Protein backbone atom coordinates (compact mmCIF):
# COMPACT_ATOMS: atom_id res chain seq x y z
CA MET A 1 29.23 25.21 -89.00
CA ASN A 2 28.51 21.75 -90.77
CA LYS A 3 28.44 22.60 -94.67
CA TYR A 4 26.36 19.46 -95.35
CA TYR A 5 23.37 20.72 -93.02
CA ILE A 6 23.60 24.19 -94.49
CA GLN A 7 23.43 22.85 -98.04
CA GLN A 8 20.49 20.54 -97.10
CA ILE A 9 18.45 23.47 -95.44
CA PHE A 10 19.14 25.61 -98.32
CA SER A 11 17.93 23.00 -100.90
CA THR A 12 14.95 22.04 -98.56
CA ILE A 13 13.77 25.86 -98.50
CA PHE A 14 14.21 25.94 -102.26
CA TYR A 15 12.16 22.75 -102.81
CA LEU A 16 9.47 23.73 -100.26
CA SER A 17 9.18 27.20 -101.91
CA ASN A 18 8.42 25.65 -105.19
CA LYS A 19 6.15 22.79 -103.58
CA ILE A 20 4.02 25.25 -101.53
CA GLN A 21 3.51 27.43 -104.52
CA VAL A 22 2.47 24.67 -106.90
CA GLN A 23 0.13 23.18 -104.40
CA GLY A 24 -1.26 26.52 -103.25
CA ASP A 25 -1.99 27.54 -106.77
CA LYS A 26 -4.46 24.69 -106.70
CA LEU A 27 -6.55 26.06 -103.74
CA ASP A 28 -8.46 28.59 -106.11
CA LYS A 29 -8.43 29.07 -109.79
CA ARG A 30 -9.12 32.81 -109.42
CA ILE A 31 -5.86 33.60 -107.45
CA THR A 32 -2.22 32.23 -107.23
CA VAL A 33 -0.28 32.05 -103.97
CA ARG A 34 1.96 34.73 -105.17
CA GLN A 35 -1.05 37.02 -105.85
CA TRP A 36 -2.33 36.06 -102.44
CA MET A 37 0.92 37.28 -100.68
CA VAL A 38 0.78 40.47 -102.48
CA LEU A 39 -2.74 41.03 -101.55
CA LEU A 40 -1.84 40.02 -97.86
CA THR A 41 1.14 42.26 -97.77
CA ILE A 42 -1.13 45.21 -98.88
CA LEU A 43 -3.25 44.52 -95.89
CA HIS A 44 -0.21 44.48 -93.62
CA LEU A 45 1.02 47.97 -94.77
CA PRO A 46 -0.27 50.99 -93.48
CA GLU A 47 -3.47 52.53 -95.23
CA ASN A 48 -2.67 54.48 -98.33
CA ASN A 49 0.95 53.24 -98.18
CA ALA A 50 0.87 50.10 -100.37
CA SER A 51 3.33 51.10 -103.14
CA TYR A 52 5.18 48.78 -105.34
CA SER A 53 8.41 49.44 -103.54
CA ARG A 54 6.88 48.92 -99.97
CA ILE A 55 5.28 45.57 -101.14
CA ALA A 56 8.44 44.37 -102.79
CA ASP A 57 10.45 45.38 -99.49
CA LYS A 58 8.04 43.42 -97.31
CA MET A 59 7.93 40.33 -99.66
CA GLY A 60 11.60 40.30 -100.24
CA CYS A 61 11.42 40.55 -104.11
CA THR A 62 11.88 43.10 -106.76
CA LYS A 63 9.59 45.91 -107.56
CA GLN A 64 9.33 44.62 -111.17
CA ASN A 65 8.16 41.19 -109.82
CA VAL A 66 5.36 43.00 -107.79
CA LYS A 67 4.42 45.27 -110.71
CA HIS A 68 3.98 42.24 -112.92
CA ILE A 69 1.68 40.51 -110.19
CA ILE A 70 -0.31 43.94 -109.43
CA ASP A 71 -0.84 44.25 -113.27
CA SER A 72 -2.33 40.85 -113.39
CA LEU A 73 -4.56 41.50 -110.29
CA GLN A 74 -5.68 44.84 -111.78
CA LYS A 75 -6.82 43.22 -114.93
CA LYS A 76 -8.98 40.91 -112.78
CA ASN A 77 -10.28 44.00 -111.12
CA TYR A 78 -8.84 42.76 -107.82
CA VAL A 79 -6.85 45.92 -107.06
CA ILE A 80 -7.12 49.49 -107.97
CA LEU A 81 -4.11 52.08 -108.41
CA GLU A 82 -4.56 55.55 -106.94
CA LYS A 83 -2.13 58.58 -106.73
CA ASN A 84 -0.60 58.93 -103.33
CA GLU A 85 -1.73 62.32 -102.01
CA LYS A 86 1.67 62.85 -100.04
CA ASP A 87 4.08 61.80 -102.77
CA LYS A 88 2.68 62.37 -106.34
CA ARG A 89 5.35 59.89 -107.71
CA ALA A 90 4.14 57.11 -105.67
CA ILE A 91 1.02 54.77 -106.44
CA ASN A 92 -1.35 53.49 -103.69
CA ILE A 93 -2.58 49.96 -104.34
CA LYS A 94 -5.81 49.08 -102.85
CA ILE A 95 -7.96 45.74 -102.82
CA THR A 96 -11.38 45.97 -104.30
CA THR A 97 -14.54 44.69 -102.66
CA GLU A 98 -14.78 41.86 -105.24
CA CYS A 99 -11.36 40.87 -104.32
CA SER A 100 -12.12 40.93 -100.48
CA GLU A 101 -14.90 38.34 -100.91
CA ILE A 102 -12.25 36.06 -102.95
CA MET A 103 -9.75 36.61 -100.33
CA LYS A 104 -12.15 35.31 -97.29
CA GLU A 105 -12.77 32.07 -99.51
CA TYR A 106 -9.15 31.67 -100.33
CA TYR A 107 -8.26 32.08 -96.64
CA LYS A 108 -10.56 29.29 -95.63
CA ASN A 109 -9.05 26.81 -98.03
CA GLY A 110 -5.45 28.24 -97.28
CA ASP A 111 -6.10 27.83 -93.52
CA LYS A 112 -6.89 24.01 -94.11
CA TYR A 113 -3.93 23.64 -96.38
CA LEU A 114 -1.43 25.27 -93.92
CA LYS A 115 -3.02 23.19 -91.01
CA ASN A 116 -2.28 20.06 -93.10
CA ILE A 117 1.20 21.10 -93.85
CA PHE A 118 1.95 21.61 -90.18
CA SER A 119 -0.14 18.90 -88.73
CA ASN A 120 2.74 16.78 -87.41
CA PHE A 121 4.24 19.71 -85.41
CA GLU A 122 3.86 20.46 -81.75
CA GLU A 123 3.45 23.99 -80.65
CA LYS A 124 7.12 24.15 -79.35
CA GLU A 125 8.32 22.74 -82.63
CA LEU A 126 6.30 25.59 -84.60
CA LYS A 127 7.90 28.26 -82.35
CA THR A 128 11.36 26.99 -82.98
CA LEU A 129 10.87 26.66 -86.64
CA CYS A 130 9.36 30.13 -86.77
CA GLU A 131 12.26 31.65 -84.93
CA SER A 132 14.84 29.76 -87.12
CA LEU A 133 13.31 30.91 -90.22
CA LYS A 134 13.23 34.62 -89.08
CA LYS A 135 17.05 34.31 -88.30
CA ILE A 136 17.47 33.00 -91.94
CA ALA A 137 15.38 35.85 -93.27
CA ASN A 138 17.51 38.45 -91.35
CA TYR A 139 20.83 37.01 -92.22
CA ASP A 140 21.65 40.16 -94.10
CA GLY A 141 20.56 42.69 -91.25
CA SER A 142 17.34 43.44 -92.88
CA ASN A 143 15.43 43.05 -89.81
CA TRP A 144 12.55 41.48 -91.39
CA THR A 145 9.45 41.17 -89.11
CA GLY A 146 7.18 39.15 -91.16
CA TYR A 147 3.42 39.39 -91.13
CA GLU A 148 2.91 39.53 -87.32
CA GLU A 149 0.11 42.17 -87.39
CA ILE A 150 -3.44 40.97 -87.27
CA VAL A 151 -5.34 41.99 -90.38
CA ASN A 152 -8.97 41.59 -91.36
CA ILE A 153 -9.31 39.33 -94.34
CA GLY A 154 -12.38 40.88 -96.31
CA GLY A 155 -12.04 44.20 -94.56
CA LYS A 156 -14.88 44.07 -92.14
CA PRO A 157 -14.18 44.21 -88.44
CA ASN A 158 -14.61 41.29 -86.20
CA GLU A 159 -14.32 38.73 -89.06
CA LYS A 160 -11.85 36.06 -89.44
CA GLN A 161 -8.38 37.47 -88.87
CA LEU A 162 -4.91 36.60 -89.93
């Protein structure tokens, strides 16, 4: 393995992570990219199973980090916390109707943003990049699957999906 390429890939991923977050935070004053990813993760988890731990596992971050973001979203009335009926120790996190409307708007802006980022890629390149990044994501045997399921943004059937 070429150490130079590995170091360049790592530093590029780090740079892109920061750049995408900074630019993405400009898409909407009401919501940040990290908040968006938490909300998107909630939609990708089975209903009534969006706990701090499950969100953190799916996002690859700490439970404390997720709790901090959820607290911020709760203050904005974008999420509500409910007791889990099956596990009294767990909390279910749900998206409010108000937030669903914001998510639809954010999705439209985010879709344009992502198309711009990847405008110079051909389909084959996108597929190869996606497969390569998943290999990196699973370096530790975590078997991360990403966000492959189709979910409704805004919670209404037959609307724009991700």
